[in-house]
Protein backbone atom coordinates (compact mmCIF):
# COMPACT_ATOMS: atom_id res chain seq x y z
CA UNK A 1 130.55 -200.18 146.04
CA UNK A 2 127.64 -201.18 144.31
CA UNK A 3 124.23 -198.99 143.05
CA UNK A 4 122.21 -200.88 145.37
CA UNK A 5 124.18 -200.32 148.38
CA UNK A 6 124.81 -196.68 147.97
CA UNK A 7 123.76 -194.36 150.05
CA UNK A 8 120.52 -192.60 149.50
CA UNK A 9 120.79 -188.49 149.48
CA UNK A 10 119.98 -186.73 152.80
CA UNK A 11 116.88 -185.93 153.78
CA UNK A 12 116.26 -181.97 153.34
CA UNK A 13 115.65 -180.15 156.64
CA UNK A 14 111.95 -179.36 157.88
CA UNK A 15 112.09 -175.71 156.46
CA UNK A 16 113.18 -176.61 153.17
CA UNK A 17 110.15 -179.23 153.14
CA UNK A 18 107.98 -176.46 154.17
CA UNK A 19 109.14 -174.07 151.29
CA UNK A 20 108.69 -177.12 148.92
CA UNK A 21 105.45 -177.77 149.76
CA UNK A 22 104.80 -173.77 149.50
CA UNK A 23 106.11 -173.83 146.06
CA UNK A 24 108.09 -170.74 146.35
CA UNK A 25 109.41 -169.90 143.54
CA UNK A 26 106.00 -170.46 141.37
CA UNK A 27 104.22 -167.73 143.89
CA UNK A 28 106.80 -165.19 143.00
CA UNK A 29 105.28 -163.98 139.63
CA UNK A 30 102.15 -163.79 142.01
CA UNK A 31 103.25 -161.51 144.60
CA UNK A 32 104.99 -159.30 142.17
CA UNK A 33 101.59 -158.59 140.36
CA UNK A 34 100.21 -157.80 143.75
CA UNK A 35 103.18 -155.45 144.50
CA UNK A 36 102.74 -154.12 141.02
CA UNK A 37 99.03 -153.03 142.06
CA UNK A 38 100.38 -151.40 145.46
CA UNK A 39 102.97 -149.15 143.26
CA UNK A 40 100.57 -148.10 140.56
CA UNK A 41 97.84 -147.38 143.49
CA UNK A 42 100.16 -145.42 145.32
CA UNK A 43 101.48 -143.62 142.47
CA UNK A 44 97.98 -142.55 141.04
CA UNK A 45 97.64 -141.16 144.54
CA UNK A 46 100.64 -139.34 144.75
CA UNK A 47 100.05 -137.48 141.26
CA UNK A 48 96.47 -136.63 141.90
CA UNK A 49 94.67 -139.41 140.15
CA UNK A 50 93.26 -141.14 143.26
CA UNK A 51 91.94 -139.09 145.86
CA UNK A 52 93.99 -140.21 148.73
CA UNK A 53 97.07 -139.40 150.71
CA UNK A 54 100.08 -141.90 150.49
CA UNK A 55 103.64 -141.85 152.04
CA UNK A 56 106.22 -144.09 150.63
CA UNK A 57 106.15 -145.23 154.27
CA UNK A 58 102.74 -146.07 153.91
CA UNK A 59 103.78 -147.94 150.64
CA UNK A 60 106.47 -149.91 152.29
CA UNK A 61 104.16 -150.96 155.15
CA UNK A 62 101.43 -152.31 152.86
CA UNK A 63 103.94 -153.96 150.54
CA UNK A 64 105.41 -155.69 153.38
CA UNK A 65 101.95 -157.13 154.56
CA UNK A 66 101.09 -157.96 151.25
CA UNK A 67 104.45 -159.98 150.10
CA UNK A 68 103.94 -161.59 153.80
CA UNK A 69 100.33 -162.58 153.89
CA UNK A 70 100.24 -163.23 150.29
CA UNK A 71 103.20 -165.51 150.18
CA UNK A 72 101.52 -167.42 153.25
CA UNK A 73 98.02 -167.75 151.79
CA UNK A 74 99.14 -168.97 148.39
CA UNK A 75 101.96 -171.20 149.92
CA UNK A 76 99.58 -172.77 152.17
CA UNK A 77 96.98 -173.12 149.23
CA UNK A 78 99.88 -174.98 147.44
CA UNK A 79 100.58 -177.03 150.34
CA UNK A 80 96.80 -178.23 150.68
CA UNK A 81 96.86 -179.05 146.95
CA UNK A 82 99.67 -181.38 147.31
CA UNK A 83 97.99 -182.98 150.15
CA UNK A 84 94.89 -183.60 147.68
CA UNK A 85 97.02 -184.65 144.77
CA UNK A 86 98.88 -186.94 146.60
CA UNK A 87 97.66 -189.90 144.66
CA UNK A 88 98.55 -188.69 141.57
CA UNK A 89 101.69 -186.63 141.73
CA UNK A 90 104.28 -189.84 141.66
CA UNK A 91 103.03 -190.47 138.48
CA UNK A 92 103.56 -187.11 136.88
CA UNK A 93 107.17 -186.40 135.54
CA UNK A 94 106.69 -182.67 136.93
CA UNK A 95 105.32 -183.68 140.24
CA UNK A 96 107.10 -186.79 141.42
CA UNK A 97 109.91 -184.95 142.96
CA UNK A 98 107.55 -183.21 145.33
CA UNK A 99 107.91 -183.63 149.06
CA UNK A 100 105.09 -185.99 149.63
CA UNK A 101 105.95 -188.31 146.62
CA UNK A 102 109.59 -188.38 147.96
CA UNK A 103 108.47 -189.41 151.11
CA UNK A 104 109.96 -185.85 152.63
CA UNK A 105 106.20 -185.05 154.10
CA UNK A 106 103.27 -187.03 154.78
CA UNK A 107 100.07 -185.89 153.24
CA UNK A 108 98.62 -184.94 157.15
CA UNK A 109 101.26 -182.80 157.34
CA UNK A 110 101.03 -180.88 154.30
CA UNK A 111 97.11 -180.31 155.00
CA UNK A 112 97.82 -178.84 158.50
CA UNK A 113 100.65 -177.07 157.40
CA UNK A 114 99.18 -175.43 154.71
CA UNK A 115 95.77 -174.74 156.51
CA UNK A 116 97.70 -172.79 159.00
CA UNK A 117 99.73 -170.52 157.22
CA UNK A 118 96.90 -170.16 154.66
CA UNK A 119 94.43 -168.79 157.52
CA UNK A 120 97.36 -166.69 159.19
CA UNK A 121 98.17 -165.53 155.63
CA UNK A 122 94.77 -164.02 155.08
CA UNK A 123 94.27 -163.04 158.72
CA UNK A 124 97.21 -160.64 158.41
CA UNK A 125 95.60 -158.60 155.78
CA UNK A 126 93.11 -157.28 158.44
CA UNK A 127 95.83 -155.21 159.62
CA UNK A 128 95.77 -152.86 156.41
CA UNK A 129 92.22 -153.77 154.89
CA UNK A 130 89.24 -155.68 155.66
CA UNK A 131 88.69 -156.33 151.87
CA UNK A 132 92.06 -157.48 151.17
CA UNK A 133 91.67 -159.95 153.60
CA UNK A 134 88.60 -161.05 152.05
CA UNK A 135 90.07 -161.61 148.71
CA UNK A 136 92.74 -163.34 150.16
CA UNK A 137 90.58 -165.99 151.90
CA UNK A 138 88.56 -165.99 148.59
CA UNK A 139 91.76 -166.94 146.68
CA UNK A 140 92.50 -170.14 149.59
CA UNK A 141 88.79 -171.57 149.45
CA UNK A 142 88.54 -171.07 145.52
CA UNK A 143 91.74 -172.56 144.62
CA UNK A 144 91.33 -175.39 147.26
CA UNK A 145 87.88 -176.49 147.08
CA UNK A 146 86.66 -175.12 143.37
CA UNK A 147 89.85 -175.66 141.87
CA UNK A 148 91.63 -178.34 143.27
CA UNK A 149 88.95 -180.37 144.81
CA UNK A 150 85.91 -179.95 142.44
CA UNK A 151 87.25 -178.58 138.58
CA UNK A 152 90.80 -180.26 138.05
CA UNK A 153 89.68 -183.55 137.94
CA UNK A 154 86.04 -183.34 136.17
CA UNK A 155 86.49 -180.47 133.19
CA UNK A 156 88.65 -179.53 130.42
CA UNK A 157 87.54 -175.59 131.28
CA UNK A 158 89.33 -176.40 135.16
CA UNK A 159 92.20 -173.97 134.27
CA UNK A 160 89.96 -171.32 132.84
CA UNK A 161 87.57 -171.10 135.92
CA UNK A 162 90.39 -172.29 138.07
CA UNK A 163 92.40 -169.03 136.93
CA UNK A 164 90.34 -166.76 139.26
CA UNK A 165 92.28 -167.81 142.24
CA UNK A 166 95.32 -166.94 140.72
CA UNK A 167 93.85 -163.48 139.44
CA UNK A 168 93.40 -161.72 142.65
CA UNK A 169 96.48 -160.77 143.63
CA UNK A 170 95.98 -157.09 141.97
CA UNK A 171 92.69 -156.89 143.93
CA UNK A 172 94.54 -157.90 147.27
CA UNK A 173 97.52 -155.25 146.75
CA UNK A 174 95.04 -152.67 145.67
CA UNK A 175 92.62 -153.09 148.53
CA UNK A 176 95.42 -153.46 150.74
CA UNK A 177 96.80 -150.00 149.29
CA UNK A 178 93.29 -148.24 149.38
CA UNK A 179 92.85 -149.12 153.27
CA UNK A 180 90.07 -147.35 154.76
CA UNK A 181 89.52 -145.46 151.52
CA UNK A 182 87.18 -148.26 149.97
CA UNK A 183 85.27 -148.85 153.34
CA UNK A 184 82.27 -150.43 152.95
CA UNK A 185 80.62 -154.00 152.56
CA UNK A 186 80.81 -154.25 148.71
CA UNK A 187 83.97 -156.22 148.51
CA UNK A 188 83.57 -155.59 144.53
CA UNK A 189 83.97 -151.87 145.28
CA UNK A 190 88.05 -150.91 144.92
CA UNK A 191 87.49 -147.73 144.12
CA UNK A 192 88.94 -147.69 140.98
CA UNK A 193 88.19 -150.04 137.51
CA UNK A 194 92.41 -150.37 137.11
CA UNK A 195 92.69 -153.42 139.63
CA UNK A 196 89.81 -155.31 137.97
CA UNK A 197 91.20 -154.78 134.62
CA UNK A 198 94.56 -156.37 136.10
CA UNK A 199 92.25 -159.19 137.28
CA UNK A 200 91.46 -160.02 133.88
CA UNK A 201 94.94 -159.34 132.51
CA UNK A 202 95.68 -162.39 134.84
CA UNK A 203 92.53 -164.23 134.06
CA UNK A 204 92.99 -164.05 130.42
CA UNK A 205 96.21 -164.91 130.63
CA UNK A 206 96.33 -168.03 132.43
CA UNK A 207 94.72 -170.39 129.92
CA UNK A 208 97.17 -169.95 126.98
CA UNK A 209 100.15 -170.11 129.88
CA UNK A 210 99.06 -173.79 131.15
CA UNK A 211 97.80 -174.99 128.34
CA UNK A 212 101.27 -174.41 126.90
CA UNK A 213 102.67 -176.58 129.75
CA UNK A 214 100.21 -179.01 128.92
CA UNK A 215 100.96 -179.45 125.52
CA UNK A 216 104.66 -179.52 125.72
CA UNK A 217 104.01 -181.92 128.80
CA UNK A 218 101.34 -183.81 126.62
CA UNK A 219 100.52 -187.55 127.93
CA UNK A 220 101.30 -186.79 131.66
CA UNK A 221 97.93 -185.41 132.56
CA UNK A 222 96.08 -187.84 130.73
CA UNK A 223 98.07 -190.70 132.69
CA UNK A 224 96.52 -189.44 135.92
CA UNK A 225 92.99 -188.60 134.22
CA UNK A 226 93.17 -185.32 134.56
CA UNK A 227 91.09 -183.85 131.76
CA UNK A 228 93.36 -180.71 130.46
CA UNK A 229 91.71 -179.13 127.25
CA UNK A 230 94.68 -180.79 124.94
CA UNK A 231 93.85 -184.37 126.45
CA UNK A 232 90.36 -184.18 125.86
CA UNK A 233 89.37 -181.85 122.83
CA UNK A 234 93.15 -182.27 120.95
CA UNK A 235 96.17 -180.22 120.81
CA UNK A 236 94.76 -178.40 117.52
CA UNK A 237 91.40 -177.15 119.32
CA UNK A 238 93.73 -176.29 122.59
CA UNK A 239 96.20 -173.81 120.70
CA UNK A 240 92.90 -172.33 118.80
CA UNK A 241 91.51 -171.73 121.97
CA UNK A 242 94.80 -170.08 123.53
CA UNK A 243 94.65 -167.80 120.31
CA UNK A 244 90.95 -166.70 121.30
CA UNK A 245 92.56 -165.45 124.81
CA UNK A 246 95.57 -163.91 123.26
CA UNK A 247 92.90 -161.70 121.28
CA UNK A 248 91.26 -160.84 124.41
CA UNK A 249 94.48 -159.90 126.05
CA UNK A 250 94.92 -157.32 123.17
CA UNK A 251 91.30 -156.05 123.30
CA UNK A 252 92.21 -155.49 127.19
CA UNK A 253 95.13 -153.62 126.72
CA UNK A 254 93.28 -151.05 124.33
CA UNK A 255 90.92 -150.24 127.27
CA UNK A 256 92.40 -146.71 127.55
CA UNK A 257 91.45 -146.05 123.77
CA UNK A 258 87.67 -146.35 124.68
CA UNK A 259 87.06 -146.06 128.22
CA UNK A 260 88.69 -142.55 129.02
CA UNK A 261 87.62 -142.62 132.99
CA UNK A 262 89.62 -145.93 133.26
CA UNK A 263 92.37 -143.87 134.62
CA UNK A 264 94.84 -145.66 132.32
CA UNK A 265 97.08 -143.58 130.06
CA UNK A 266 96.89 -143.97 126.58
CA UNK A 267 100.87 -144.78 126.53
CA UNK A 268 99.41 -148.01 128.71
CA UNK A 269 97.70 -149.12 125.27
CA UNK A 270 100.55 -149.00 123.00
CA UNK A 271 102.81 -150.81 125.34
CA UNK A 272 100.68 -153.57 126.21
CA UNK A 273 99.58 -154.07 122.93
CA UNK A 274 103.48 -154.42 121.81
CA UNK A 275 103.95 -156.71 124.54
CA UNK A 276 100.87 -158.61 124.00
CA UNK A 277 101.55 -159.01 120.14
CA UNK A 278 105.49 -160.44 121.11
CA UNK A 279 103.59 -163.01 123.62
CA UNK A 280 100.91 -163.87 120.85
CA UNK A 281 103.31 -164.29 118.13
CA UNK A 282 104.68 -167.73 120.23
CA UNK A 283 101.42 -169.14 120.57
CA UNK A 284 100.63 -168.66 117.00
CA UNK A 285 103.96 -170.74 116.46
CA UNK A 286 102.96 -173.46 118.18
CA UNK A 287 102.58 -176.42 116.07
CA UNK A 288 99.92 -179.08 117.55
CA UNK A 289 101.65 -182.13 115.57
CA UNK A 290 105.46 -180.93 116.48
CA UNK A 291 107.40 -184.03 117.65
CA UNK A 292 108.62 -184.46 121.17
CA UNK A 293 112.55 -183.34 121.42
CA UNK A 294 114.81 -185.46 123.54
CA UNK A 295 113.72 -184.04 127.10
CA UNK A 296 110.43 -185.33 125.68
CA UNK A 297 108.85 -181.65 125.20
CA UNK A 298 107.29 -179.99 122.31
CA UNK A 299 109.75 -177.08 121.51
CA UNK A 300 107.49 -174.32 120.31
CA UNK A 301 104.99 -174.94 123.31
CA UNK A 302 107.65 -174.92 125.60
CA UNK A 303 108.98 -171.47 124.47
CA UNK A 304 105.48 -169.88 124.72
CA UNK A 305 105.14 -171.24 128.13
CA UNK A 306 108.14 -169.84 128.99
CA UNK A 307 107.61 -166.56 127.09
CA UNK A 308 104.57 -166.41 129.05
CA UNK A 309 105.90 -165.73 132.29
CA UNK A 310 108.11 -162.83 130.81
CA UNK A 311 104.82 -161.27 129.05
CA UNK A 312 103.28 -161.27 132.48
CA UNK A 313 106.16 -159.65 134.50
CA UNK A 314 106.76 -157.08 131.90
CA UNK A 315 102.90 -156.25 131.74
CA UNK A 316 102.59 -155.03 135.19
CA UNK A 317 106.33 -153.74 135.09
CA UNK A 318 105.41 -151.24 132.39
CA UNK A 319 102.64 -150.19 133.89
CA UNK A 320 104.42 -149.26 137.07
CA UNK A 321 106.85 -147.44 135.06
CA UNK A 322 104.22 -145.59 132.69
CA UNK A 323 102.46 -144.56 136.21
CA UNK A 324 105.69 -142.89 137.52
CA UNK A 325 105.84 -140.52 134.55
CA UNK A 326 104.06 -137.14 135.43
CA UNK A 327 100.94 -137.11 134.06
CA UNK A 328 101.88 -133.43 132.14
CA UNK A 329 104.91 -135.14 130.69
CA UNK A 330 103.01 -137.49 128.59
CA UNK A 331 100.85 -134.99 126.76
CA UNK A 332 98.27 -136.69 124.41
CA UNK A 333 99.69 -140.01 125.73
CA UNK A 334 98.18 -139.56 129.16
CA UNK A 335 94.76 -140.32 130.67
CA UNK A 336 91.97 -139.43 127.81
């Protein structure tokens, strides 16, 4: 049988198409950060650092609500993004196999589906906390209107500013766990600086993470007129900016050393510092002029991109593990 007459692969099921529109693999890391924020909050509550009573049943309930609500709201945002980017996705190798370019879903379906589940996901947080619902809705609106529609095609700072949307899961998880203990109209008041430090951890991590992706996919964004930093200012400047954000990450991890009231144990400064240096080494190793390999990638930029995923996951998981350690066991490595 000739290649021209060979049967085309079967169209995936509707459930599979919806899952691909949501980009579930991408939002796993976001949900991990939200769940870690819940575990940190409730562990600190159980050891007396926070003045709130929490049972393991409370933790499980909030974790389930956050996992479902966060997946729906973030997945809805991704589906709406695919609707808006339907004109450029077919022309980029990393996006050409999405459901819309393949003809498995129409842009209209992606928009309606994304809007419905994003609204449902944010509304679900009302069960546990109005502030969690607010930050979930804020994330959707910011990602869709500020990043996707306004910034992405207009400025090389798109990832930096747009990273605010992806930095909210710890705020959502913490607010969901805190519930009525942080009641009030001030949505920025979450009862502790810890969720905001976790917010800035993701915010500072986002630029070097995505710029490494843009570097090893150099040329793709330029073809569709997306002004990524490396396309506009060049790879050397992009790597320099990535190093600046690594320094900010190192500074953020040292917060327990100079802010005793932060609630974070001193041990966190040493662990986060070691992890940040491990990740920063991959950023420093990026060669802006490195030739592409057989797969069309800059190997060192690709290595830094994948290391960044492990780095963020280990930063959050290590904080959870540290908070599990009884304060009196930590000695001078505990909260100052």
